[in-house]
Amino acid sequence: MSIMKRLGLAAVAVGLMLGAARETRAGLVLYTFEAPRFTVGQAIPMVNVAPNSGDPSFLASFTSPTLGPVFRISPFQPNGLFSGNSLFEPTGFAGNTLTITLNQPITSLSLVFATNGAGSISLSSAAGGVTVTSTPQLGGSQFAGGTLNFTGSTAFSSFSLTEVAPTGGLVTEFAIDNLAMNSATVPEPSSLALSGVAGLVGLGYARARRQRATA
């Protein structure tokens, strides 16, 4: 077999390996706040918790800059959008903000939420934000609520959720559940090494062509 053919086959093989390696840390992770990752009654701060479903190396920390250990894991189901446990803030204090910090960047997220009456949930991050107004919901305790979806302008690794009271109204309890996040594609070290190999193969292929052309 000629050198050029061997180099061509090597380039194809490396390309296939690169395609597989690049995706090893991308994908969907889901926090349902169920055991064994979470325990009923567990309160924030909850630090470096792996998801209920998805890459176990993905970690999230749940804290509140304003309230301390008020958000907690609860079996309470405020409306029909919820199932099993939720992350619930039962006090209704003003400024009840939940901050979620991640060890890997994400590109988008979705979650269901509930507020005890009219209100909205506001998401803020370095990649933008969104506010979603609660609407009437059936099931559970019939709290108002909805689904929040957000895609950042760039990848981001931290975001905050704050309940916003209606005009003239009061901040009430709120809860979230089924937090799904799409992690950004990050090449593994093995993928970076393969990139170097691919570059060397390409250089060798080009050199062999030049030598053949001048022979």
Protein backbone atom coordinates (compact mmCIF):
# COMPACT_ATOMS: atom_id res chain seq x y z
CA MET A 1 0.00 0.00 0.00
CA SER A 2 1.36 3.45 -0.95
CA ILE A 3 2.32 6.04 1.67
CA MET A 4 -0.39 8.40 0.40
CA LYS A 5 -3.08 5.76 0.73
CA ARG A 6 -1.93 4.84 4.24
CA LEU A 7 -1.97 8.52 5.24
CA GLY A 8 -5.43 8.95 3.73
CA LEU A 9 -6.83 6.02 5.71
CA ALA A 10 -5.19 7.34 8.89
CA ALA A 11 -6.80 10.74 8.36
CA VAL A 12 -10.24 9.15 7.97
CA ALA A 13 -9.78 7.09 11.15
CA VAL A 14 -8.65 10.11 13.16
CA GLY A 15 -11.60 12.11 11.84
CA LEU A 16 -14.04 9.46 13.03
CA MET A 17 -12.41 9.38 16.47
CA LEU A 18 -12.56 13.17 16.70
CA GLY A 19 -16.27 13.17 15.86
CA ALA A 20 -16.95 10.79 18.75
CA ALA A 21 -14.64 12.52 21.24
CA ARG A 22 -15.99 16.04 20.71
CA GLU A 23 -19.43 15.12 22.02
CA THR A 24 -18.44 13.34 25.22
CA ARG A 25 -19.32 16.24 27.51
CA ALA A 26 -22.33 17.65 25.66
CA GLY A 27 -25.92 16.71 26.34
CA LEU A 28 -28.98 17.11 28.50
CA VAL A 29 -28.90 16.97 32.30
CA LEU A 30 -32.06 16.88 34.43
CA TYR A 31 -32.68 17.83 38.06
CA THR A 32 -35.96 16.39 39.37
CA PHE A 33 -34.96 16.86 43.05
CA GLU A 34 -35.62 13.20 43.85
CA ALA A 35 -33.62 10.72 45.95
CA PRO A 36 -30.86 9.64 46.08
CA ARG A 37 -29.38 12.99 44.95
CA PHE A 38 -31.74 14.98 47.16
CA THR A 39 -33.47 14.38 50.51
CA VAL A 40 -36.84 15.75 51.64
CA GLY A 41 -36.20 18.59 54.10
CA GLN A 42 -32.72 19.30 52.72
CA ALA A 43 -32.17 23.07 52.58
CA ILE A 44 -29.85 25.31 50.62
CA PRO A 45 -26.99 25.82 50.34
CA MET A 46 -26.68 22.58 48.36
CA VAL A 47 -23.24 22.47 46.78
CA ASN A 48 -21.88 20.45 43.84
CA VAL A 49 -24.88 18.17 43.34
CA ALA A 50 -24.93 15.80 40.34
CA PRO A 51 -28.10 15.63 38.22
CA ASN A 52 -30.81 13.00 38.64
CA SER A 53 -30.31 12.15 34.97
CA GLY A 54 -27.37 12.85 32.66
CA ASP A 55 -23.60 13.27 32.95
CA PRO A 56 -22.62 12.65 36.62
CA SER A 57 -19.60 14.94 36.23
CA PHE A 58 -21.98 17.87 35.74
CA LEU A 59 -22.46 19.63 39.12
CA ALA A 60 -24.82 22.37 40.28
CA SER A 61 -24.81 24.46 43.47
CA PHE A 62 -28.06 25.97 44.78
CA THR A 63 -27.73 29.06 47.00
CA SER A 64 -29.66 32.21 47.90
CA PRO A 65 -27.85 35.55 48.26
CA THR A 66 -30.76 37.09 50.18
CA LEU A 67 -32.56 34.50 52.28
CA GLY A 68 -30.18 31.87 53.55
CA PRO A 69 -31.50 28.31 54.04
CA VAL A 70 -35.13 28.98 53.04
CA PHE A 71 -35.42 27.00 49.80
CA ARG A 72 -35.73 23.31 50.61
CA ILE A 73 -36.60 19.95 49.04
CA SER A 74 -40.30 19.29 49.53
CA PRO A 75 -42.83 16.64 48.41
CA PHE A 76 -45.35 19.49 48.06
CA GLN A 77 -46.86 19.66 44.57
CA PRO A 78 -48.17 23.18 43.99
CA ASN A 79 -49.84 22.40 40.66
CA GLY A 80 -50.19 19.77 37.97
CA LEU A 81 -46.92 20.73 36.26
CA PHE A 82 -45.03 19.22 39.21
CA SER A 83 -44.34 15.57 40.04
CA GLY A 84 -42.56 14.08 43.04
CA ASN A 85 -40.30 16.48 44.94
CA SER A 86 -39.68 20.13 44.17
CA LEU A 87 -37.35 22.90 45.34
CA PHE A 88 -39.77 25.04 47.35
CA GLU A 89 -39.55 28.44 49.08
CA PRO A 90 -42.48 28.44 51.53
CA THR A 91 -42.06 31.79 53.29
CA GLY A 92 -42.85 34.42 50.67
CA PHE A 93 -40.14 36.84 51.82
CA ALA A 94 -39.38 39.78 49.53
CA GLY A 95 -36.29 39.34 47.38
CA ASN A 96 -36.47 35.55 47.35
CA THR A 97 -33.76 34.85 44.81
CA LEU A 98 -32.35 31.42 44.02
CA THR A 99 -28.89 31.31 42.41
CA ILE A 100 -27.71 28.21 40.56
CA THR A 101 -23.99 27.92 39.77
CA LEU A 102 -22.64 25.22 37.46
CA ASN A 103 -19.22 23.62 36.99
CA GLN A 104 -19.76 23.43 33.21
CA PRO A 105 -21.23 26.02 30.83
CA ILE A 106 -24.71 25.52 29.40
CA THR A 107 -26.45 26.99 26.38
CA SER A 108 -30.12 26.67 27.36
CA LEU A 109 -32.47 25.51 30.11
CA SER A 110 -36.09 24.89 30.94
CA LEU A 111 -38.03 24.38 34.18
CA VAL A 112 -41.55 24.42 35.57
CA PHE A 113 -42.45 26.86 38.32
CA ALA A 114 -45.29 27.82 40.64
CA THR A 115 -46.27 30.95 42.57
CA ASN A 116 -48.99 31.13 45.17
CA GLY A 117 -51.16 33.61 43.28
CA ALA A 118 -50.38 36.16 40.61
CA GLY A 119 -46.76 36.97 39.91
CA SER A 120 -43.88 36.02 37.63
CA ILE A 121 -40.46 34.42 37.66
CA SER A 122 -37.49 36.36 36.33
CA LEU A 123 -34.29 34.64 35.16
CA SER A 124 -31.05 36.63 34.89
CA SER A 125 -27.63 35.52 33.68
CA ALA A 126 -24.51 36.87 31.99
CA ALA A 127 -26.03 35.66 28.69
CA GLY A 128 -29.35 37.49 29.07
CA GLY A 129 -32.60 36.88 30.84
CA VAL A 130 -36.34 36.30 30.58
CA THR A 131 -39.45 36.89 32.70
CA VAL A 132 -42.45 34.55 32.58
CA THR A 133 -45.82 35.45 34.11
CA SER A 134 -47.71 32.84 36.11
CA THR A 135 -50.98 31.59 34.66
CA PRO A 136 -53.75 29.58 36.37
CA GLN A 137 -52.95 25.86 36.66
CA LEU A 138 -54.95 22.80 37.65
CA GLY A 139 -53.78 19.92 39.83
CA GLY A 140 -51.90 19.83 43.11
CA SER A 141 -52.71 22.86 45.24
CA GLN A 142 -53.67 24.83 42.11
CA PHE A 143 -50.91 27.41 42.47
CA ALA A 144 -50.45 29.56 39.38
CA GLY A 145 -47.32 28.78 37.38
CA GLY A 146 -45.89 27.89 34.02
CA THR A 147 -42.84 26.76 32.09
CA LEU A 148 -39.74 28.90 31.70
CA ASN A 149 -37.50 28.34 28.67
CA PHE A 150 -34.29 30.25 28.05
CA THR A 151 -31.48 30.12 25.48
CA GLY A 152 -28.48 32.32 26.17
CA SER A 153 -26.78 34.61 23.68
CA THR A 154 -23.58 32.78 24.68
CA ALA A 155 -22.79 29.83 26.96
CA PHE A 156 -23.17 30.64 30.67
CA SER A 157 -22.43 28.89 33.97
CA SER A 158 -24.60 30.72 36.51
CA PHE A 159 -28.12 32.11 36.64
CA SER A 160 -30.60 33.47 39.19
CA LEU A 161 -34.35 33.05 39.59
CA THR A 162 -36.38 35.70 41.39
CA GLU A 163 -40.10 35.87 42.04
CA VAL A 164 -41.57 39.21 40.98
CA ALA A 165 -44.78 40.38 42.66
CA PRO A 166 -47.60 41.84 40.59
CA THR A 167 -48.16 45.59 40.77
CA GLY A 168 -49.58 46.37 44.19
CA GLY A 169 -49.27 42.74 45.23
CA LEU A 170 -47.05 40.75 47.55
CA VAL A 171 -44.29 38.24 46.88
CA THR A 172 -45.53 34.74 47.74
CA GLU A 173 -44.12 31.24 47.99
CA PHE A 174 -42.62 29.80 44.83
CA ALA A 175 -41.21 26.49 43.68
CA ILE A 176 -39.37 24.95 40.72
CA ASP A 177 -39.14 21.41 39.36
CA ASN A 178 -37.79 19.44 36.40
CA LEU A 179 -34.81 21.71 35.72
CA ALA A 180 -33.33 20.59 32.38
CA MET A 181 -30.10 22.09 31.04
CA ASN A 182 -28.17 21.60 27.81
CA SER A 183 -24.46 21.58 28.51
CA ALA A 184 -22.17 23.26 26.02
CA THR A 185 -19.92 21.11 23.85
CA VAL A 186 -16.45 21.07 25.42
CA PRO A 187 -13.69 18.94 23.81
CA GLU A 188 -12.15 16.40 26.17
CA PRO A 189 -8.33 16.36 26.55
CA SER A 190 -8.26 13.18 24.43
CA SER A 191 -10.07 15.05 21.67
CA LEU A 192 -7.49 17.84 21.78
CA ALA A 193 -4.70 15.28 21.51
CA LEU A 194 -6.42 13.69 18.53
CA SER A 195 -6.65 17.12 16.92
CA GLY A 196 -2.86 17.31 17.09
CA VAL A 197 -2.53 13.86 15.54
CA ALA A 198 -4.93 14.87 12.76
CA GLY A 199 -2.78 17.91 12.04
CA LEU A 200 0.36 15.80 11.78
CA VAL A 201 -1.39 13.35 9.46
CA GLY A 202 -2.48 16.25 7.28
CA LEU A 203 1.06 17.62 7.10
CA GLY A 204 2.40 14.20 6.20
CA TYR A 205 -0.21 13.79 3.47
CA ALA A 206 0.66 17.19 1.95
CA ARG A 207 4.38 16.44 2.07
CA ALA A 208 3.90 13.07 0.34
CA ARG A 209 1.93 14.75 -2.44
CA ARG A 210 4.68 17.35 -2.99
CA GLN A 211 7.36 14.63 -3.12
CA ARG A 212 5.31 12.63 -5.61
CA ALA A 213 4.72 15.70 -7.80
CA THR A 214 8.45 16.51 -7.99
CA ALA A 215 9.55 12.90 -8.51
